[in-house]
Amino acid sequence: MLIAILYGRVDVVNGSVAATAQGDGSINITALYRHTDNLYLRKTLGNNPAYAPEDFTLRWSVKEIAVNADGVIIPGSLDIASA
């Protein structure tokens, strides 16, 4: 019986956050997020690359972020891609 505890972690990469104000009062924000974990299945299941720990970076781009009349933050679009 294999029991594994997954601990995921997401960190914003230092210096990666950029914000740009738009002419209509909204802003665009881009940031890099580093995803890592401690799920070392290689130790249990052998040296198979399919079981490598999670370790990758994603670029989040949120465009046309605005605040409505009720003070709720509303993104116009969200794009998540490999960095």
PDB file of N, CA and C in Angstrom:
ATOM      1  N   MET A   1       0.843  -1.172   0.000  1.00  0.00           N
ATOM      2  CA  MET A   1       0.000   0.000   0.000  1.00  0.00           C
ATOM      3  C   MET A   1       0.888   1.236   0.000  1.00  0.00           C
ATOM      4  N   LEU A   2       0.621   2.143  -0.936  1.00  0.00           N
ATOM      5  CA  LEU A   2       1.398   3.376  -1.049  1.00  0.00           C
ATOM      6  C   LEU A   2       0.564   4.540  -0.537  1.00  0.00           C
ATOM      7  N   ILE A   3       1.094   5.223   0.433  1.00  0.00           N
ATOM      8  CA  ILE A   3       0.432   6.433   0.940  1.00  0.00           C
ATOM      9  C   ILE A   3       1.414   7.572   0.766  1.00  0.00           C
ATOM     10  N   ALA A   4       0.998   8.602   0.063  1.00  0.00           N
ATOM     11  CA  ALA A   4       1.876   9.751  -0.172  1.00  0.00           C
ATOM     12  C   ALA A   4       1.156  11.015   0.275  1.00  0.00           C
ATOM     13  N   ILE A   5       1.878  11.886   0.910  1.00  0.00           N
ATOM     14  CA  ILE A   5       1.325  13.169   1.327  1.00  0.00           C
ATOM     15  C   ILE A   5       1.874  14.220   0.382  1.00  0.00           C
ATOM     16  N   LEU A   6       0.987  14.926  -0.284  1.00  0.00           N
ATOM     17  CA  LEU A   6       1.385  15.962  -1.238  1.00  0.00           C
ATOM     18  C   LEU A   6       1.358  17.318  -0.549  1.00  0.00           C
ATOM     19  N   TYR A   7       2.445  17.993  -0.623  1.00  0.00           N
ATOM     20  CA  TYR A   7       2.534  19.352  -0.102  1.00  0.00           C
ATOM     21  C   TYR A   7       2.922  20.243  -1.264  1.00  0.00           C
ATOM     22  N   GLY A   8       1.998  21.030  -1.759  1.00  0.00           N
ATOM     23  CA  GLY A   8       2.284  21.924  -2.865  1.00  0.00           C
ATOM     24  C   GLY A   8       2.589  23.328  -2.374  1.00  0.00           C
ATOM     25  N   ARG A   9       3.408  24.011  -3.119  1.00  0.00           N
ATOM     26  CA  ARG A   9       3.773  25.375  -2.754  1.00  0.00           C
ATOM     27  C   ARG A   9       3.822  26.220  -4.013  1.00  0.00           C
ATOM     28  N   VAL A  10       3.303  27.437  -3.917  1.00  0.00           N
ATOM     29  CA  VAL A  10       3.327  28.385  -5.025  1.00  0.00           C
ATOM     30  C   VAL A  10       3.925  29.687  -4.504  1.00  0.00           C
ATOM     31  N   ASP A  11       4.988  30.137  -5.157  1.00  0.00           N
ATOM     32  CA  ASP A  11       5.657  31.388  -4.770  1.00  0.00           C
ATOM     33  C   ASP A  11       5.704  32.331  -5.959  1.00  0.00           C
ATOM     34  N   VAL A  12       5.510  33.618  -5.711  1.00  0.00           N
ATOM     35  CA  VAL A  12       5.698  34.623  -6.752  1.00  0.00           C
ATOM     36  C   VAL A  12       7.199  34.830  -6.897  1.00  0.00           C
ATOM     37  N   VAL A  13       7.713  34.764  -8.112  1.00  0.00           N
ATOM     38  CA  VAL A  13       9.136  34.963  -8.370  1.00  0.00           C
ATOM     39  C   VAL A  13       9.478  36.434  -8.121  1.00  0.00           C
ATOM     40  N   ASN A  14      10.475  36.666  -7.268  1.00  0.00           N
ATOM     41  CA  ASN A  14      10.871  38.041  -6.931  1.00  0.00           C
ATOM     42  C   ASN A  14      11.171  38.857  -8.177  1.00  0.00           C
ATOM     43  N   GLY A  15      10.630  40.054  -8.229  1.00  0.00           N
ATOM     44  CA  GLY A  15      10.892  40.964  -9.333  1.00  0.00           C
ATOM     45  C   GLY A  15      10.100  40.665 -10.596  1.00  0.00           C
ATOM     46  N   SER A  16       9.170  39.706 -10.551  1.00  0.00           N
ATOM     47  CA  SER A  16       8.467  39.321 -11.770  1.00  0.00           C
ATOM     48  C   SER A  16       7.122  40.017 -11.963  1.00  0.00           C
ATOM     49  N   VAL A  17       6.647  40.721 -10.950  1.00  0.00           N
ATOM     50  CA  VAL A  17       5.329  41.349 -11.051  1.00  0.00           C
ATOM     51  C   VAL A  17       5.442  42.669 -11.802  1.00  0.00           C
ATOM     52  N   ALA A  18       4.613  42.817 -12.831  1.00  0.00           N
ATOM     53  CA  ALA A  18       4.585  44.055 -13.610  1.00  0.00           C
ATOM     54  C   ALA A  18       3.126  44.479 -13.792  1.00  0.00           C
ATOM     55  N   ALA A  19       2.847  45.747 -13.569  1.00  0.00           N
ATOM     56  CA  ALA A  19       1.493  46.269 -13.736  1.00  0.00           C
ATOM     57  C   ALA A  19       1.536  47.444 -14.703  1.00  0.00           C
ATOM     58  N   THR A  20       0.528  47.507 -15.572  1.00  0.00           N
ATOM     59  CA  THR A  20       0.426  48.583 -16.551  1.00  0.00           C
ATOM     60  C   THR A  20      -0.970  49.177 -16.489  1.00  0.00           C
ATOM     61  N   ALA A  21      -1.044  50.481 -16.237  1.00  0.00           N
ATOM     62  CA  ALA A  21      -2.345  51.156 -16.211  1.00  0.00           C
ATOM     63  C   ALA A  21      -2.837  51.373 -17.634  1.00  0.00           C
ATOM     64  N   GLN A  22      -4.122  51.130 -17.820  1.00  0.00           N
ATOM     65  CA  GLN A  22      -4.753  51.341 -19.121  1.00  0.00           C
ATOM     66  C   GLN A  22      -5.474  52.685 -19.125  1.00  0.00           C
ATOM     67  N   GLY A  23      -5.773  53.211 -20.285  1.00  0.00           N
ATOM     68  CA  GLY A  23      -6.424  54.511 -20.397  1.00  0.00           C
ATOM     69  C   GLY A  23      -7.850  54.544 -19.878  1.00  0.00           C
ATOM     70  N   ASP A  24      -8.481  53.360 -19.742  1.00  0.00           N
ATOM     71  CA  ASP A  24      -9.870  53.317 -19.285  1.00  0.00           C
ATOM     72  C   ASP A  24      -9.997  53.129 -17.773  1.00  0.00           C
ATOM     73  N   GLY A  25      -8.890  53.228 -17.040  1.00  0.00           N
ATOM     74  CA  GLY A  25      -8.914  53.078 -15.587  1.00  0.00           C
ATOM     75  C   GLY A  25      -8.629  51.667 -15.113  1.00  0.00           C
ATOM     76  N   SER A  26      -8.528  50.704 -16.023  1.00  0.00           N
ATOM     77  CA  SER A  26      -8.198  49.336 -15.632  1.00  0.00           C
ATOM     78  C   SER A  26      -6.685  49.142 -15.689  1.00  0.00           C
ATOM     79  N   ILE A  27      -6.214  48.015 -15.168  1.00  0.00           N
ATOM     80  CA  ILE A  27      -4.783  47.717 -15.206  1.00  0.00           C
ATOM     81  C   ILE A  27      -4.565  46.286 -15.696  1.00  0.00           C
ATOM     82  N   ASN A  28      -3.383  46.043 -16.237  1.00  0.00           N
ATOM     83  CA  ASN A  28      -2.942  44.706 -16.618  1.00  0.00           C
ATOM     84  C   ASN A  28      -1.814  44.313 -15.677  1.00  0.00           C
ATOM     85  N   ILE A  29      -1.829  43.066 -15.203  1.00  0.00           N
ATOM     86  CA  ILE A  29      -0.789  42.578 -14.298  1.00  0.00           C
ATOM     87  C   ILE A  29      -0.246  41.254 -14.829  1.00  0.00           C
ATOM     88  N   THR A  30       1.079  41.119 -14.812  1.00  0.00           N
ATOM     89  CA  THR A  30       1.741  39.869 -15.183  1.00  0.00           C
ATOM     90  C   THR A  30       2.684  39.478 -14.052  1.00  0.00           C
ATOM     91  N   ALA A  31       2.724  38.187 -13.716  1.00  0.00           N
ATOM     92  CA  ALA A  31       3.629  37.707 -12.673  1.00  0.00           C
ATOM     93  C   ALA A  31       4.030  36.268 -12.989  1.00  0.00           C
ATOM     94  N   LEU A  32       5.214  35.875 -12.504  1.00  0.00           N
ATOM     95  CA  LEU A  32       5.668  34.490 -12.612  1.00  0.00           C
ATOM     96  C   LEU A  32       5.419  33.793 -11.280  1.00  0.00           C
ATOM     97  N   TYR A  33       4.848  32.602 -11.354  1.00  0.00           N
ATOM     98  CA  TYR A  33       4.590  31.794 -10.167  1.00  0.00           C
ATOM     99  C   TYR A  33       5.380  30.502 -10.270  1.00  0.00           C
ATOM    100  N   ARG A  34       6.162  30.198  -9.233  1.00  0.00           N
ATOM    101  CA  ARG A  34       6.962  28.977  -9.185  1.00  0.00           C
ATOM    102  C   ARG A  34       6.201  27.936  -8.369  1.00  0.00           C
ATOM    103  N   HIS A  35       5.933  26.768  -8.976  1.00  0.00           N
ATOM    104  CA  HIS A  35       5.214  25.683  -8.323  1.00  0.00           C
ATOM    105  C   HIS A  35       6.214  24.591  -7.941  1.00  0.00           C
ATOM    106  N   THR A  36       6.228  24.196  -6.681  1.00  0.00           N
ATOM    107  CA  THR A  36       7.097  23.114  -6.212  1.00  0.00           C
ATOM    108  C   THR A  36       6.318  22.250  -5.214  1.00  0.00           C
ATOM    109  N   ASP A  37       6.825  21.078  -4.912  1.00  0.00           N
ATOM    110  CA  ASP A  37       6.210  20.226  -3.900  1.00  0.00           C
ATOM    111  C   ASP A  37       7.250  19.302  -3.287  1.00  0.00           C
ATOM    112  N   ASN A  38       6.787  18.480  -2.353  1.00  0.00           N
ATOM    113  CA  ASN A  38       7.701  17.528  -1.712  1.00  0.00           C
ATOM    114  C   ASN A  38       7.268  16.088  -1.966  1.00  0.00           C
ATOM    115  N   LEU A  39       6.571  15.864  -3.089  1.00  0.00           N
ATOM    116  CA  LEU A  39       6.101  14.520  -3.402  1.00  0.00           C
ATOM    117  C   LEU A  39       7.201  13.770  -4.143  1.00  0.00           C
ATOM    118  N   TYR A  40       8.106  13.130  -3.427  1.00  0.00           N
ATOM    119  CA  TYR A  40       9.241  12.459  -4.043  1.00  0.00           C
ATOM    120  C   TYR A  40       8.914  10.992  -4.297  1.00  0.00           C
ATOM    121  N   LEU A  41       8.085  10.740  -5.297  1.00  0.00           N
ATOM    122  CA  LEU A  41       7.691   9.367  -5.600  1.00  0.00           C
ATOM    123  C   LEU A  41       8.844   8.544  -6.159  1.00  0.00           C
ATOM    124  N   ARG A  42       9.911   9.192  -6.641  1.00  0.00           N
ATOM    125  CA  ARG A  42      11.055   8.421  -7.141  1.00  0.00           C
ATOM    126  C   ARG A  42      11.620   7.520  -6.058  1.00  0.00           C
ATOM    127  N   LYS A  43      11.603   8.006  -4.819  1.00  0.00           N
ATOM    128  CA  LYS A  43      12.151   7.207  -3.716  1.00  0.00           C
ATOM    129  C   LYS A  43      11.343   5.941  -3.500  1.00  0.00           C
ATOM    130  N   THR A  44      10.047   5.981  -3.799  1.00  0.00           N
ATOM    131  CA  THR A  44       9.173   4.844  -3.573  1.00  0.00           C
ATOM    132  C   THR A  44       8.999   3.978  -4.812  1.00  0.00           C
ATOM    133  N   LEU A  45       8.845   4.623  -5.978  1.00  0.00           N
ATOM    134  CA  LEU A  45       8.486   3.904  -7.192  1.00  0.00           C
ATOM    135  C   LEU A  45       9.633   3.732  -8.170  1.00  0.00           C
ATOM    136  N   GLY A  46      10.827   4.159  -7.808  1.00  0.00           N
ATOM    137  CA  GLY A  46      11.967   4.002  -8.704  1.00  0.00           C
ATOM    138  C   GLY A  46      12.289   5.282  -9.449  1.00  0.00           C
ATOM    139  N   ASN A  47      13.359   5.265 -10.212  1.00  0.00           N
ATOM    140  CA  ASN A  47      13.858   6.448 -10.902  1.00  0.00           C
ATOM    141  C   ASN A  47      13.153   6.609 -12.253  1.00  0.00           C
ATOM    142  N   ASN A  48      11.887   6.921 -12.210  1.00  0.00           N
ATOM    143  CA  ASN A  48      11.083   7.115 -13.414  1.00  0.00           C
ATOM    144  C   ASN A  48      10.767   8.605 -13.540  1.00  0.00           C
ATOM    145  N   PRO A  49      11.151   9.265 -14.625  1.00  0.00           N
ATOM    146  CA  PRO A  49      10.894  10.708 -14.760  1.00  0.00           C
ATOM    147  C   PRO A  49       9.424  11.095 -14.616  1.00  0.00           C
ATOM    148  N   ALA A  50       8.505  10.155 -14.896  1.00  0.00           N
ATOM    149  CA  ALA A  50       7.085  10.473 -14.753  1.00  0.00           C
ATOM    150  C   ALA A  50       6.719  10.780 -13.306  1.00  0.00           C
ATOM    151  N   TYR A  51       7.563  10.355 -12.366  1.00  0.00           N
ATOM    152  CA  TYR A  51       7.273  10.575 -10.954  1.00  0.00           C
ATOM    153  C   TYR A  51       8.149  11.656 -10.335  1.00  0.00           C
ATOM    154  N   ALA A  52       8.711  12.493 -11.164  1.00  0.00           N
ATOM    155  CA  ALA A  52       9.561  13.572 -10.659  1.00  0.00           C
ATOM    156  C   ALA A  52       8.712  14.558  -9.854  1.00  0.00           C
ATOM    157  N   PRO A  53       9.290  15.190  -8.849  1.00  0.00           N
ATOM    158  CA  PRO A  53       8.552  16.194  -8.083  1.00  0.00           C
ATOM    159  C   PRO A  53       8.115  17.354  -8.973  1.00  0.00           C
ATOM    160  N   GLU A  54       7.030  17.972  -8.605  1.00  0.00           N
ATOM    161  CA  GLU A  54       6.526  19.144  -9.321  1.00  0.00           C
ATOM    162  C   GLU A  54       7.527  20.285  -9.176  1.00  0.00           C
ATOM    163  N   ASP A  55       7.925  20.867 -10.274  1.00  0.00           N
ATOM    164  CA  ASP A  55       8.846  21.996 -10.238  1.00  0.00           C
ATOM    165  C   ASP A  55       8.755  22.719 -11.582  1.00  0.00           C
ATOM    166  N   PHE A  56       7.924  23.737 -11.653  1.00  0.00           N
ATOM    167  CA  PHE A  56       7.759  24.472 -12.907  1.00  0.00           C
ATOM    168  C   PHE A  56       7.308  25.901 -12.618  1.00  0.00           C
ATOM    169  N   THR A  57       7.433  26.748 -13.624  1.00  0.00           N
ATOM    170  CA  THR A  57       7.051  28.160 -13.503  1.00  0.00           C
ATOM    171  C   THR A  57       5.969  28.474 -14.523  1.00  0.00           C
ATOM    172  N   LEU A  58       4.965  29.211 -14.086  1.00  0.00           N
ATOM    173  CA  LEU A  58       3.885  29.661 -14.961  1.00  0.00           C
ATOM    174  C   LEU A  58       3.840  31.180 -14.990  1.00  0.00           C
ATOM    175  N   ARG A  59       3.467  31.726 -16.134  1.00  0.00           N
ATOM    176  CA  ARG A  59       3.264  33.164 -16.259  1.00  0.00           C
ATOM    177  C   ARG A  59       1.762  33.430 -16.237  1.00  0.00           C
ATOM    178  N   TRP A  60       1.317  34.206 -15.264  1.00  0.00           N
ATOM    179  CA  TRP A  60      -0.086  34.607 -15.161  1.00  0.00           C
ATOM    180  C   TRP A  60      -0.218  36.011 -15.712  1.00  0.00           C
ATOM    181  N   SER A  61      -1.093  36.194 -16.659  1.00  0.00           N
ATOM    182  CA  SER A  61      -1.374  37.522 -17.212  1.00  0.00           C
ATOM    183  C   SER A  61      -2.853  37.811 -17.022  1.00  0.00           C
ATOM    184  N   VAL A  62      -3.148  38.795 -16.189  1.00  0.00           N
ATOM    185  CA  VAL A  62      -4.529  39.199 -15.935  1.00  0.00           C
ATOM    186  C   VAL A  62      -4.703  40.572 -16.567  1.00  0.00           C
ATOM    187  N   LYS A  63      -5.643  40.674 -17.500  1.00  0.00           N
ATOM    188  CA  LYS A  63      -5.814  41.919 -18.244  1.00  0.00           C
ATOM    189  C   LYS A  63      -7.124  42.607 -17.886  1.00  0.00           C
ATOM    190  N   GLU A  64      -7.090  43.906 -17.988  1.00  0.00           N
ATOM    191  CA  GLU A  64      -8.259  44.764 -17.791  1.00  0.00           C
ATOM    192  C   GLU A  64      -8.913  44.545 -16.432  1.00  0.00           C
ATOM    193  N   ILE A  65      -8.083  44.559 -15.373  1.00  0.00           N
ATOM    194  CA  ILE A  65      -8.604  44.441 -14.012  1.00  0.00           C
ATOM    195  C   ILE A  65      -9.265  45.767 -13.656  1.00  0.00           C
ATOM    196  N   ALA A  66     -10.496  45.694 -13.197  1.00  0.00           N
ATOM    197  CA  ALA A  66     -11.242  46.904 -12.833  1.00  0.00           C
ATOM    198  C   ALA A  66     -11.984  46.653 -11.525  1.00  0.00           C
ATOM    199  N   VAL A  67     -12.411  47.725 -10.879  1.00  0.00           N
ATOM    200  CA  VAL A  67     -13.206  47.641  -9.654  1.00  0.00           C
ATOM    201  C   VAL A  67     -14.599  48.159  -9.993  1.00  0.00           C
ATOM    202  N   ASN A  68     -15.635  47.331  -9.698  1.00  0.00           N
ATOM    203  CA  ASN A  68     -16.989  47.781 -10.024  1.00  0.00           C
ATOM    204  C   ASN A  68     -17.532  48.698  -8.927  1.00  0.00           C
ATOM    205  N   ALA A  69     -18.769  49.138  -9.062  1.00  0.00           N
ATOM    206  CA  ALA A  69     -19.375  50.096  -8.129  1.00  0.00           C
ATOM    207  C   ALA A  69     -19.482  49.544  -6.707  1.00  0.00           C
ATOM    208  N   ASP A  70     -19.516  48.206  -6.559  1.00  0.00           N
ATOM    209  CA  ASP A  70     -19.602  47.581  -5.241  1.00  0.00           C
ATOM    210  C   ASP A  70     -18.227  47.320  -4.626  1.00  0.00           C
ATOM    211  N   GLY A  71     -17.161  47.733  -5.322  1.00  0.00           N
ATOM    212  CA  GLY A  71     -15.812  47.532  -4.821  1.00  0.00           C
ATOM    213  C   GLY A  71     -15.247  46.153  -5.108  1.00  0.00           C
ATOM    214  N   VAL A  72     -15.894  45.383  -5.990  1.00  0.00           N
ATOM    215  CA  VAL A  72     -15.434  44.045  -6.343  1.00  0.00           C
ATOM    216  C   VAL A  72     -14.427  44.145  -7.484  1.00  0.00           C
ATOM    217  N   ILE A  73     -13.284  43.453  -7.341  1.00  0.00           N
ATOM    218  CA  ILE A  73     -12.267  43.436  -8.376  1.00  0.00           C
ATOM    219  C   ILE A  73     -12.662  42.418  -9.439  1.00  0.00           C
ATOM    220  N   ILE A  74     -12.717  42.867 -10.696  1.00  0.00           N
ATOM    221  CA  ILE A  74     -13.153  42.020 -11.797  1.00  0.00           C
ATOM    222  C   ILE A  74     -12.079  42.001 -12.888  1.00  0.00           C
ATOM    223  N   PRO A  75     -11.510  40.809 -13.173  1.00  0.00           N
ATOM    224  CA  PRO A  75     -10.550  40.718 -14.281  1.00  0.00           C
ATOM    225  C   PRO A  75     -11.279  40.573 -15.611  1.00  0.00           C
ATOM    226  N   GLY A  76     -10.763  41.228 -16.659  1.00  0.00           N
ATOM    227  CA  GLY A  76     -11.344  41.080 -17.974  1.00  0.00           C
ATOM    228  C   GLY A  76     -10.980  39.751 -18.590  1.00  0.00           C
ATOM    229  N   SER A  77      -9.729  39.287 -18.376  1.00  0.00           N
ATOM    230  CA  SER A  77      -9.290  37.989 -18.900  1.00  0.00           C
ATOM    231  C   SER A  77      -8.102  37.487 -18.092  1.00  0.00           C
ATOM    232  N   LEU A  78      -7.891  36.182 -18.151  1.00  0.00           N
ATOM    233  CA  LEU A  78      -6.772  35.548 -17.459  1.00  0.00           C
ATOM    234  C   LEU A  78      -6.122  34.571 -18.421  1.00  0.00           C
ATOM    235  N   ASP A  79      -4.792  34.667 -18.558  1.00  0.00           N
ATOM    236  CA  ASP A  79      -4.042  33.752 -19.413  1.00  0.00           C
ATOM    237  C   ASP A  79      -2.932  33.151 -18.576  1.00  0.00           C
ATOM    238  N   ILE A  80      -2.866  31.819 -18.539  1.00  0.00           N
ATOM    239  CA  ILE A  80      -1.825  31.120 -17.788  1.00  0.00           C
ATOM    240  C   ILE A  80      -1.050  30.257 -18.770  1.00  0.00           C
ATOM    241  N   ALA A  81       0.275  30.453 -18.813  1.00  0.00           N
ATOM    242  CA  ALA A  81       1.106  29.716 -19.770  1.00  0.00           C
ATOM    243  C   ALA A  81       2.447  29.375 -19.131  1.00  0.00           C
ATOM    244  N   SER A  82       3.120  28.387 -19.680  1.00  0.00           N
ATOM    245  CA  SER A  82       4.464  28.043 -19.226  1.00  0.00           C
ATOM    246  C   SER A  82       5.405  29.200 -19.441  1.00  0.00           C
ATOM    247  N   ALA A  83       6.273  29.410 -18.465  1.00  0.00           N
ATOM    248  CA  ALA A  83       7.233  30.508 -18.581  1.00  0.00           C
ATOM    249  C   ALA A  83       8.552  30.005 -19.094  1.00  0.00           C
TER     250      ALA A  83
END
